[in-house]
Amino acid sequence: MPSPLSNTVLFKPTKIGRMLLQHRIVMSPLTRYRANDAHAHTDIAREYYAQRASEKGTLIITEATYVAQKAGGQANAPGLWTGEQLEAWKKVRDMMR
């Protein structure tokens, strides 16, 4: 028996800018605390995002990310103010392609 939601607009394709999404469910930004002590993503974070991006045409807005060391104080939250952090985010991006 099909889901009562299967024929709703929620599961119809939509276009956002140049992206064609296969459905209208979007993963919102959350903080997963999967970065290391230097606030750079780890293999477990890359695996987490790859799993969620496994369905082609899915939009994921990645987690809240500190843009400066003094911008936040939570351990293992990702950052984006060092080269190491930037390279770690690139690895996340590349796993989702």
PDB file of N, CA and C in Angstrom:
ATOM      1  N   MET A   1       0.847  -1.182   0.000  1.00  0.00           N
ATOM      2  CA  MET A   1       0.000   0.000   0.000  1.00  0.00           C
ATOM      3  C   MET A   1       0.891   1.244   0.000  1.00  0.00           C
ATOM      4  N   PRO A   2       0.698   2.166  -0.924  1.00  0.00           N
ATOM      5  CA  PRO A   2       1.520   3.378  -0.968  1.00  0.00           C
ATOM      6  C   PRO A   2       1.269   4.279   0.233  1.00  0.00           C
ATOM      7  N   SER A   3       2.261   5.054   0.569  1.00  0.00           N
ATOM      8  CA  SER A   3       2.142   6.008   1.663  1.00  0.00           C
ATOM      9  C   SER A   3       1.109   7.072   1.300  1.00  0.00           C
ATOM     10  N   PRO A   4       0.339   7.555   2.277  1.00  0.00           N
ATOM     11  CA  PRO A   4      -0.628   8.616   1.980  1.00  0.00           C
ATOM     12  C   PRO A   4       0.049   9.913   1.521  1.00  0.00           C
ATOM     13  N   LEU A   5       1.339  10.045   1.756  1.00  0.00           N
ATOM     14  CA  LEU A   5       2.066  11.246   1.339  1.00  0.00           C
ATOM     15  C   LEU A   5       2.692  11.119  -0.043  1.00  0.00           C
ATOM     16  N   SER A   6       2.691   9.916  -0.618  1.00  0.00           N
ATOM     17  CA  SER A   6       3.427   9.688  -1.859  1.00  0.00           C
ATOM     18  C   SER A   6       2.906  10.525  -3.037  1.00  0.00           C
ATOM     19  N   ASN A   7       1.678  10.941  -3.017  1.00  0.00           N
ATOM     20  CA  ASN A   7       1.129  11.737  -4.122  1.00  0.00           C
ATOM     21  C   ASN A   7       1.026  13.217  -3.791  1.00  0.00           C
ATOM     22  N   THR A   8       1.686  13.644  -2.715  1.00  0.00           N
ATOM     23  CA  THR A   8       1.635  15.054  -2.339  1.00  0.00           C
ATOM     24  C   THR A   8       2.774  15.821  -2.999  1.00  0.00           C
ATOM     25  N   VAL A   9       2.723  17.133  -2.935  1.00  0.00           N
ATOM     26  CA  VAL A   9       3.750  17.993  -3.507  1.00  0.00           C
ATOM     27  C   VAL A   9       5.109  17.756  -2.840  1.00  0.00           C
ATOM     28  N   LEU A  10       5.120  17.239  -1.630  1.00  0.00           N
ATOM     29  CA  LEU A  10       6.356  16.977  -0.902  1.00  0.00           C
ATOM     30  C   LEU A  10       7.318  16.088  -1.685  1.00  0.00           C
ATOM     31  N   PHE A  11       6.807  15.163  -2.457  1.00  0.00           N
ATOM     32  CA  PHE A  11       7.636  14.217  -3.195  1.00  0.00           C
ATOM     33  C   PHE A  11       7.706  14.520  -4.696  1.00  0.00           C
ATOM     34  N   LYS A  12       7.332  15.717  -5.073  1.00  0.00           N
ATOM     35  CA  LYS A  12       7.443  16.118  -6.479  1.00  0.00           C
ATOM     36  C   LYS A  12       8.747  16.890  -6.684  1.00  0.00           C
ATOM     37  N   PRO A  13       9.398  16.713  -7.820  1.00  0.00           N
ATOM     38  CA  PRO A  13      10.644  17.441  -8.090  1.00  0.00           C
ATOM     39  C   PRO A  13      10.422  18.950  -8.065  1.00  0.00           C
ATOM     40  N   THR A  14      11.482  19.676  -7.751  1.00  0.00           N
ATOM     41  CA  THR A  14      11.458  21.139  -7.755  1.00  0.00           C
ATOM     42  C   THR A  14      12.839  21.644  -8.133  1.00  0.00           C
ATOM     43  N   LYS A  15      12.884  22.857  -8.611  1.00  0.00           N
ATOM     44  CA  LYS A  15      14.155  23.451  -8.998  1.00  0.00           C
ATOM     45  C   LYS A  15      14.451  24.624  -8.080  1.00  0.00           C
ATOM     46  N   ILE A  16      15.673  24.657  -7.558  1.00  0.00           N
ATOM     47  CA  ILE A  16      16.146  25.776  -6.738  1.00  0.00           C
ATOM     48  C   ILE A  16      17.406  26.290  -7.415  1.00  0.00           C
ATOM     49  N   GLY A  17      17.319  27.452  -8.020  1.00  0.00           N
ATOM     50  CA  GLY A  17      18.453  27.947  -8.799  1.00  0.00           C
ATOM     51  C   GLY A  17      18.740  26.988  -9.939  1.00  0.00           C
ATOM     52  N   ARG A  18      19.979  26.504 -10.011  1.00  0.00           N
ATOM     53  CA  ARG A  18      20.354  25.543 -11.051  1.00  0.00           C
ATOM     54  C   ARG A  18      20.189  24.104 -10.599  1.00  0.00           C
ATOM     55  N   MET A  19      19.813  23.899  -9.342  1.00  0.00           N
ATOM     56  CA  MET A  19      19.691  22.540  -8.806  1.00  0.00           C
ATOM     57  C   MET A  19      18.296  21.981  -9.035  1.00  0.00           C
ATOM     58  N   LEU A  20      18.241  20.758  -9.534  1.00  0.00           N
ATOM     59  CA  LEU A  20      16.970  20.056  -9.665  1.00  0.00           C
ATOM     60  C   LEU A  20      16.899  19.033  -8.538  1.00  0.00           C
ATOM     61  N   LEU A  21      15.961  19.239  -7.643  1.00  0.00           N
ATOM     62  CA  LEU A  21      15.783  18.329  -6.511  1.00  0.00           C
ATOM     63  C   LEU A  21      14.696  17.321  -6.851  1.00  0.00           C
ATOM     64  N   GLN A  22      14.882  16.085  -6.453  1.00  0.00           N
ATOM     65  CA  GLN A  22      13.928  15.023  -6.744  1.00  0.00           C
ATOM     66  C   GLN A  22      12.727  15.039  -5.805  1.00  0.00           C
ATOM     67  N   HIS A  23      12.841  15.793  -4.728  1.00  0.00           N
ATOM     68  CA  HIS A  23      11.761  15.921  -3.746  1.00  0.00           C
ATOM     69  C   HIS A  23      11.958  17.242  -3.017  1.00  0.00           C
ATOM     70  N   ARG A  24      11.098  17.567  -2.087  1.00  0.00           N
ATOM     71  CA  ARG A  24      11.151  18.866  -1.408  1.00  0.00           C
ATOM     72  C   ARG A  24      11.518  18.734   0.060  1.00  0.00           C
ATOM     73  N   ILE A  25      12.211  17.667   0.385  1.00  0.00           N
ATOM     74  CA  ILE A  25      12.690  17.459   1.750  1.00  0.00           C
ATOM     75  C   ILE A  25      14.137  17.923   1.795  1.00  0.00           C
ATOM     76  N   VAL A  26      14.442  18.828   2.703  1.00  0.00           N
ATOM     77  CA  VAL A  26      15.780  19.393   2.810  1.00  0.00           C
ATOM     78  C   VAL A  26      16.308  19.133   4.211  1.00  0.00           C
ATOM     79  N   MET A  27      17.560  18.689   4.289  1.00  0.00           N
ATOM     80  CA  MET A  27      18.194  18.501   5.590  1.00  0.00           C
ATOM     81  C   MET A  27      18.741  19.849   6.042  1.00  0.00           C
ATOM     82  N   SER A  28      18.241  20.319   7.157  1.00  0.00           N
ATOM     83  CA  SER A  28      18.637  21.639   7.643  1.00  0.00           C
ATOM     84  C   SER A  28      19.971  21.584   8.391  1.00  0.00           C
ATOM     85  N   PRO A  29      20.576  22.748   8.640  1.00  0.00           N
ATOM     86  CA  PRO A  29      21.856  22.760   9.339  1.00  0.00           C
ATOM     87  C   PRO A  29      21.701  22.360  10.802  1.00  0.00           C
ATOM     88  N   LEU A  30      22.534  21.446  11.202  1.00  0.00           N
ATOM     89  CA  LEU A  30      22.609  20.972  12.584  1.00  0.00           C
ATOM     90  C   LEU A  30      24.081  20.904  12.948  1.00  0.00           C
ATOM     91  N   THR A  31      24.399  20.886  14.196  1.00  0.00           N
ATOM     92  CA  THR A  31      25.792  20.673  14.583  1.00  0.00           C
ATOM     93  C   THR A  31      25.931  19.240  15.049  1.00  0.00           C
ATOM     94  N   ARG A  32      26.748  18.482  14.356  1.00  0.00           N
ATOM     95  CA  ARG A  32      26.899  17.048  14.599  1.00  0.00           C
ATOM     96  C   ARG A  32      28.032  16.717  15.561  1.00  0.00           C
ATOM     97  N   TYR A  33      28.905  17.650  15.850  1.00  0.00           N
ATOM     98  CA  TYR A  33      30.040  17.433  16.761  1.00  0.00           C
ATOM     99  C   TYR A  33      30.897  16.254  16.326  1.00  0.00           C
ATOM    100  N   ARG A  34      31.223  16.194  15.046  1.00  0.00           N
ATOM    101  CA  ARG A  34      32.044  15.107  14.521  1.00  0.00           C
ATOM    102  C   ARG A  34      33.401  15.611  14.037  1.00  0.00           C
ATOM    103  N   ALA A  35      33.788  16.794  14.456  1.00  0.00           N
ATOM    104  CA  ALA A  35      35.104  17.332  14.119  1.00  0.00           C
ATOM    105  C   ALA A  35      36.096  16.927  15.210  1.00  0.00           C
ATOM    106  N   ASN A  36      37.371  17.068  14.901  1.00  0.00           N
ATOM    107  CA  ASN A  36      38.402  16.742  15.890  1.00  0.00           C
ATOM    108  C   ASN A  36      38.647  17.945  16.810  1.00  0.00           C
ATOM    109  N   ASP A  37      39.654  17.852  17.671  1.00  0.00           N
ATOM    110  CA  ASP A  37      39.923  18.945  18.609  1.00  0.00           C
ATOM    111  C   ASP A  37      40.378  20.229  17.923  1.00  0.00           C
ATOM    112  N   ALA A  38      40.843  20.114  16.667  1.00  0.00           N
ATOM    113  CA  ALA A  38      41.236  21.292  15.887  1.00  0.00           C
ATOM    114  C   ALA A  38      40.056  21.821  15.065  1.00  0.00           C
ATOM    115  N   HIS A  39      38.869  21.298  15.318  1.00  0.00           N
ATOM    116  CA  HIS A  39      37.631  21.705  14.637  1.00  0.00           C
ATOM    117  C   HIS A  39      37.638  21.394  13.152  1.00  0.00           C
ATOM    118  N   ALA A  40      38.361  20.348  12.756  1.00  0.00           N
ATOM    119  CA  ALA A  40      38.382  19.886  11.364  1.00  0.00           C
ATOM    120  C   ALA A  40      37.580  18.589  11.278  1.00  0.00           C
ATOM    121  N   HIS A  41      36.789  18.465  10.233  1.00  0.00           N
ATOM    122  CA  HIS A  41      35.975  17.260  10.070  1.00  0.00           C
ATOM    123  C   HIS A  41      36.825  16.003   9.996  1.00  0.00           C
ATOM    124  N   THR A  42      36.243  14.900  10.426  1.00  0.00           N
ATOM    125  CA  THR A  42      36.913  13.602  10.458  1.00  0.00           C
ATOM    126  C   THR A  42      36.226  12.653   9.478  1.00  0.00           C
ATOM    127  N   ASP A  43      36.765  11.440   9.384  1.00  0.00           N
ATOM    128  CA  ASP A  43      36.175  10.434   8.491  1.00  0.00           C
ATOM    129  C   ASP A  43      34.721  10.152   8.839  1.00  0.00           C
ATOM    130  N   ILE A  44      34.375  10.160  10.115  1.00  0.00           N
ATOM    131  CA  ILE A  44      32.992   9.859  10.504  1.00  0.00           C
ATOM    132  C   ILE A  44      32.038  10.954  10.006  1.00  0.00           C
ATOM    133  N   ALA A  45      32.489  12.196   9.966  1.00  0.00           N
ATOM    134  CA  ALA A  45      31.652  13.275   9.427  1.00  0.00           C
ATOM    135  C   ALA A  45      31.468  13.107   7.927  1.00  0.00           C
ATOM    136  N   ARG A  46      32.548  12.752   7.237  1.00  0.00           N
ATOM    137  CA  ARG A  46      32.436  12.530   5.792  1.00  0.00           C
ATOM    138  C   ARG A  46      31.472  11.388   5.492  1.00  0.00           C
ATOM    139  N   GLU A  47      31.553  10.330   6.277  1.00  0.00           N
ATOM    140  CA  GLU A  47      30.641   9.190   6.092  1.00  0.00           C
ATOM    141  C   GLU A  47      29.195   9.610   6.354  1.00  0.00           C
ATOM    142  N   TYR A  48      28.979  10.387   7.394  1.00  0.00           N
ATOM    143  CA  TYR A  48      27.645  10.872   7.760  1.00  0.00           C
ATOM    144  C   TYR A  48      27.005  11.634   6.591  1.00  0.00           C
ATOM    145  N   TYR A  49      27.739  12.579   6.017  1.00  0.00           N
ATOM    146  CA  TYR A  49      27.188  13.363   4.917  1.00  0.00           C
ATOM    147  C   TYR A  49      27.042  12.537   3.646  1.00  0.00           C
ATOM    148  N   ALA A  50      27.963  11.635   3.399  1.00  0.00           N
ATOM    149  CA  ALA A  50      27.856  10.776   2.207  1.00  0.00           C
ATOM    150  C   ALA A  50      26.600   9.913   2.280  1.00  0.00           C
ATOM    151  N   GLN A  51      26.281   9.409   3.463  1.00  0.00           N
ATOM    152  CA  GLN A  51      25.067   8.601   3.629  1.00  0.00           C
ATOM    153  C   GLN A  51      23.831   9.432   3.315  1.00  0.00           C
ATOM    154  N   ARG A  52      23.797  10.647   3.785  1.00  0.00           N
ATOM    155  CA  ARG A  52      22.615  11.486   3.584  1.00  0.00           C
ATOM    156  C   ARG A  52      22.515  12.022   2.163  1.00  0.00           C
ATOM    157  N   ALA A  53      23.613  12.069   1.468  1.00  0.00           N
ATOM    158  CA  ALA A  53      23.619  12.550   0.082  1.00  0.00           C
ATOM    159  C   ALA A  53      23.562  11.399  -0.916  1.00  0.00           C
ATOM    160  N   SER A  54      23.304  10.199  -0.446  1.00  0.00           N
ATOM    161  CA  SER A  54      23.338   9.032  -1.334  1.00  0.00           C
ATOM    162  C   SER A  54      22.192   9.030  -2.340  1.00  0.00           C
ATOM    163  N   GLU A  55      21.138   9.745  -2.067  1.00  0.00           N
ATOM    164  CA  GLU A  55      20.012   9.852  -2.996  1.00  0.00           C
ATOM    165  C   GLU A  55      20.230  11.068  -3.887  1.00  0.00           C
ATOM    166  N   LYS A  56      20.433  10.840  -5.159  1.00  0.00           N
ATOM    167  CA  LYS A  56      20.668  11.942  -6.103  1.00  0.00           C
ATOM    168  C   LYS A  56      19.497  12.928  -6.062  1.00  0.00           C
ATOM    169  N   GLY A  57      19.839  14.211  -6.125  1.00  0.00           N
ATOM    170  CA  GLY A  57      18.801  15.240  -6.118  1.00  0.00           C
ATOM    171  C   GLY A  57      18.330  15.609  -4.734  1.00  0.00           C
ATOM    172  N   THR A  58      19.195  15.422  -3.730  1.00  0.00           N
ATOM    173  CA  THR A  58      18.861  15.750  -2.349  1.00  0.00           C
ATOM    174  C   THR A  58      19.641  16.983  -1.928  1.00  0.00           C
ATOM    175  N   LEU A  59      18.979  17.941  -1.298  1.00  0.00           N
ATOM    176  CA  LEU A  59      19.631  19.158  -0.823  1.00  0.00           C
ATOM    177  C   LEU A  59      19.950  19.014   0.651  1.00  0.00           C
ATOM    178  N   ILE A  60      21.223  19.228   0.983  1.00  0.00           N
ATOM    179  CA  ILE A  60      21.673  19.205   2.371  1.00  0.00           C
ATOM    180  C   ILE A  60      22.316  20.549   2.663  1.00  0.00           C
ATOM    181  N   ILE A  61      21.810  21.239   3.654  1.00  0.00           N
ATOM    182  CA  ILE A  61      22.449  22.462   4.124  1.00  0.00           C
ATOM    183  C   ILE A  61      23.298  22.023   5.312  1.00  0.00           C
ATOM    184  N   THR A  62      24.606  22.063   5.149  1.00  0.00           N
ATOM    185  CA  THR A  62      25.475  21.495   6.174  1.00  0.00           C
ATOM    186  C   THR A  62      25.402  22.252   7.474  1.00  0.00           C
ATOM    187  N   GLU A  63      26.039  21.692   8.452  1.00  0.00           N
ATOM    188  CA  GLU A  63      25.883  22.163   9.819  1.00  0.00           C
ATOM    189  C   GLU A  63      26.440  23.551  10.100  1.00  0.00           C
ATOM    190  N   ALA A  64      26.003  24.075  11.229  1.00  0.00           N
ATOM    191  CA  ALA A  64      26.525  25.342  11.719  1.00  0.00           C
ATOM    192  C   ALA A  64      28.036  25.199  11.877  1.00  0.00           C
ATOM    193  N   THR A  65      28.771  26.179  11.382  1.00  0.00           N
ATOM    194  CA  THR A  65      30.231  26.100  11.346  1.00  0.00           C
ATOM    195  C   THR A  65      30.819  27.408  11.856  1.00  0.00           C
ATOM    196  N   TYR A  66      31.750  27.309  12.788  1.00  0.00           N
ATOM    197  CA  TYR A  66      32.416  28.496  13.309  1.00  0.00           C
ATOM    198  C   TYR A  66      33.354  29.068  12.244  1.00  0.00           C
ATOM    199  N   VAL A  67      33.332  30.384  12.077  1.00  0.00           N
ATOM    200  CA  VAL A  67      34.169  31.021  11.069  1.00  0.00           C
ATOM    201  C   VAL A  67      35.405  31.679  11.679  1.00  0.00           C
ATOM    202  N   ALA A  68      35.512  31.654  12.989  1.00  0.00           N
ATOM    203  CA  ALA A  68      36.687  32.189  13.684  1.00  0.00           C
ATOM    204  C   ALA A  68      36.826  31.445  15.005  1.00  0.00           C
ATOM    205  N   GLN A  69      38.046  31.334  15.477  1.00  0.00           N
ATOM    206  CA  GLN A  69      38.296  30.588  16.710  1.00  0.00           C
ATOM    207  C   GLN A  69      37.497  31.157  17.879  1.00  0.00           C
ATOM    208  N   LYS A  70      37.396  32.482  17.949  1.00  0.00           N
ATOM    209  CA  LYS A  70      36.678  33.093  19.067  1.00  0.00           C
ATOM    210  C   LYS A  70      35.162  33.162  18.837  1.00  0.00           C
ATOM    211  N   ALA A  71      34.691  32.628  17.713  1.00  0.00           N
ATOM    212  CA  ALA A  71      33.265  32.672  17.400  1.00  0.00           C
ATOM    213  C   ALA A  71      32.467  31.635  18.178  1.00  0.00           C
ATOM    214  N   GLY A  72      33.101  30.620  18.702  1.00  0.00           N
ATOM    215  CA  GLY A  72      32.366  29.591  19.425  1.00  0.00           C
ATOM    216  C   GLY A  72      33.270  28.844  20.379  1.00  0.00           C
ATOM    217  N   GLY A  73      32.664  28.115  21.262  1.00  0.00           N
ATOM    218  CA  GLY A  73      33.462  27.423  22.252  1.00  0.00           C
ATOM    219  C   GLY A  73      33.072  25.968  22.436  1.00  0.00           C
ATOM    220  N   GLN A  74      32.393  25.392  21.468  1.00  0.00           N
ATOM    221  CA  GLN A  74      31.958  24.012  21.615  1.00  0.00           C
ATOM    222  C   GLN A  74      33.013  23.063  21.061  1.00  0.00           C
ATOM    223  N   ALA A  75      33.355  22.068  21.850  1.00  0.00           N
ATOM    224  CA  ALA A  75      34.331  21.068  21.411  1.00  0.00           C
ATOM    225  C   ALA A  75      33.755  20.244  20.264  1.00  0.00           C
ATOM    226  N   ASN A  76      34.595  19.931  19.319  1.00  0.00           N
ATOM    227  CA  ASN A  76      34.268  19.038  18.204  1.00  0.00           C
ATOM    228  C   ASN A  76      33.222  19.574  17.227  1.00  0.00           C
ATOM    229  N   ALA A  77      32.926  20.864  17.313  1.00  0.00           N
ATOM    230  CA  ALA A  77      32.094  21.496  16.294  1.00  0.00           C
ATOM    231  C   ALA A  77      33.033  21.935  15.169  1.00  0.00           C
ATOM    232  N   PRO A  78      32.620  21.837  13.908  1.00  0.00           N
ATOM    233  CA  PRO A  78      33.525  22.171  12.810  1.00  0.00           C
ATOM    234  C   PRO A  78      33.781  23.675  12.699  1.00  0.00           C
ATOM    235  N   GLY A  79      34.943  23.981  12.173  1.00  0.00           N
ATOM    236  CA  GLY A  79      35.313  25.369  11.942  1.00  0.00           C
ATOM    237  C   GLY A  79      35.713  25.567  10.493  1.00  0.00           C
ATOM    238  N   LEU A  80      35.976  26.815  10.154  1.00  0.00           N
ATOM    239  CA  LEU A  80      36.397  27.144   8.795  1.00  0.00           C
ATOM    240  C   LEU A  80      37.309  28.372   8.831  1.00  0.00           C
ATOM    241  N   TRP A  81      38.322  28.343   9.686  1.00  0.00           N
ATOM    242  CA  TRP A  81      39.258  29.443   9.753  1.00  0.00           C
ATOM    243  C   TRP A  81      40.713  29.007   9.571  1.00  0.00           C
ATOM    244  N   THR A  82      40.951  27.701   9.365  1.00  0.00           N
ATOM    245  CA  THR A  82      42.314  27.234   9.107  1.00  0.00           C
ATOM    246  C   THR A  82      42.336  26.430   7.801  1.00  0.00           C
ATOM    247  N   GLY A  83      43.510  26.271   7.267  1.00  0.00           N
ATOM    248  CA  GLY A  83      43.662  25.464   6.055  1.00  0.00           C
ATOM    249  C   GLY A  83      43.248  24.021   6.276  1.00  0.00           C
ATOM    250  N   GLU A  84      43.567  23.477   7.459  1.00  0.00           N
ATOM    251  CA  GLU A  84      43.190  22.095   7.776  1.00  0.00           C
ATOM    252  C   GLU A  84      41.667  21.929   7.745  1.00  0.00           C
ATOM    253  N   GLN A  85      40.959  22.885   8.298  1.00  0.00           N
ATOM    254  CA  GLN A  85      39.494  22.819   8.313  1.00  0.00           C
ATOM    255  C   GLN A  85      38.927  22.931   6.899  1.00  0.00           C
ATOM    256  N   LEU A  86      39.486  23.838   6.104  1.00  0.00           N
ATOM    257  CA  LEU A  86      39.031  23.992   4.724  1.00  0.00           C
ATOM    258  C   LEU A  86      39.232  22.694   3.948  1.00  0.00           C
ATOM    259  N   GLU A  87      40.387  22.071   4.092  1.00  0.00           N
ATOM    260  CA  GLU A  87      40.654  20.811   3.394  1.00  0.00           C
ATOM    261  C   GLU A  87      39.698  19.712   3.861  1.00  0.00           C
ATOM    262  N   ALA A  88      39.375  19.693   5.144  1.00  0.00           N
ATOM    263  CA  ALA A  88      38.434  18.692   5.671  1.00  0.00           C
ATOM    264  C   ALA A  88      37.044  18.900   5.076  1.00  0.00           C
ATOM    265  N   TRP A  89      36.599  20.162   4.960  1.00  0.00           N
ATOM    266  CA  TRP A  89      35.303  20.447   4.341  1.00  0.00           C
ATOM    267  C   TRP A  89      35.304  20.051   2.866  1.00  0.00           C
ATOM    268  N   LYS A  90      36.428  20.247   2.180  1.00  0.00           N
ATOM    269  CA  LYS A  90      36.513  19.841   0.774  1.00  0.00           C
ATOM    270  C   LYS A  90      36.338  18.330   0.642  1.00  0.00           C
ATOM    271  N   LYS A  91      36.869  17.580   1.580  1.00  0.00           N
ATOM    272  CA  LYS A  91      36.711  16.121   1.559  1.00  0.00           C
ATOM    273  C   LYS A  91      35.248  15.735   1.776  1.00  0.00           C
ATOM    274  N   VAL A  92      34.538  16.472   2.635  1.00  0.00           N
ATOM    275  CA  VAL A  92      33.102  16.235   2.819  1.00  0.00           C
ATOM    276  C   VAL A  92      32.384  16.487   1.500  1.00  0.00           C
ATOM    277  N   ARG A  93      32.676  17.628   0.887  1.00  0.00           N
ATOM    278  CA  ARG A  93      32.058  17.981  -0.404  1.00  0.00           C
ATOM    279  C   ARG A  93      32.318  16.904  -1.451  1.00  0.00           C
ATOM    280  N   ASP A  94      33.551  16.466  -1.536  1.00  0.00           N
ATOM    281  CA  ASP A  94      33.919  15.494  -2.562  1.00  0.00           C
ATOM    282  C   ASP A  94      33.248  14.140  -2.359  1.00  0.00           C
ATOM    283  N   MET A  95      32.958  13.762  -1.122  1.00  0.00           N
ATOM    284  CA  MET A  95      32.264  12.493  -0.859  1.00  0.00           C
ATOM    285  C   MET A  95      30.815  12.557  -1.289  1.00  0.00           C
ATOM    286  N   MET A  96      30.253  13.757  -1.351  1.00  0.00           N
ATOM    287  CA  MET A  96      28.834  13.896  -1.684  1.00  0.00           C
ATOM    288  C   MET A  96      28.611  14.054  -3.173  1.00  0.00           C
ATOM    289  N   ARG A  97      29.655  14.095  -3.960  1.00  0.00           N
ATOM    290  CA  ARG A  97      29.487  14.273  -5.407  1.00  0.00           C
ATOM    291  C   ARG A  97      29.213  12.969  -6.083  1.00  0.00           C
TER     292      ARG A  97
END
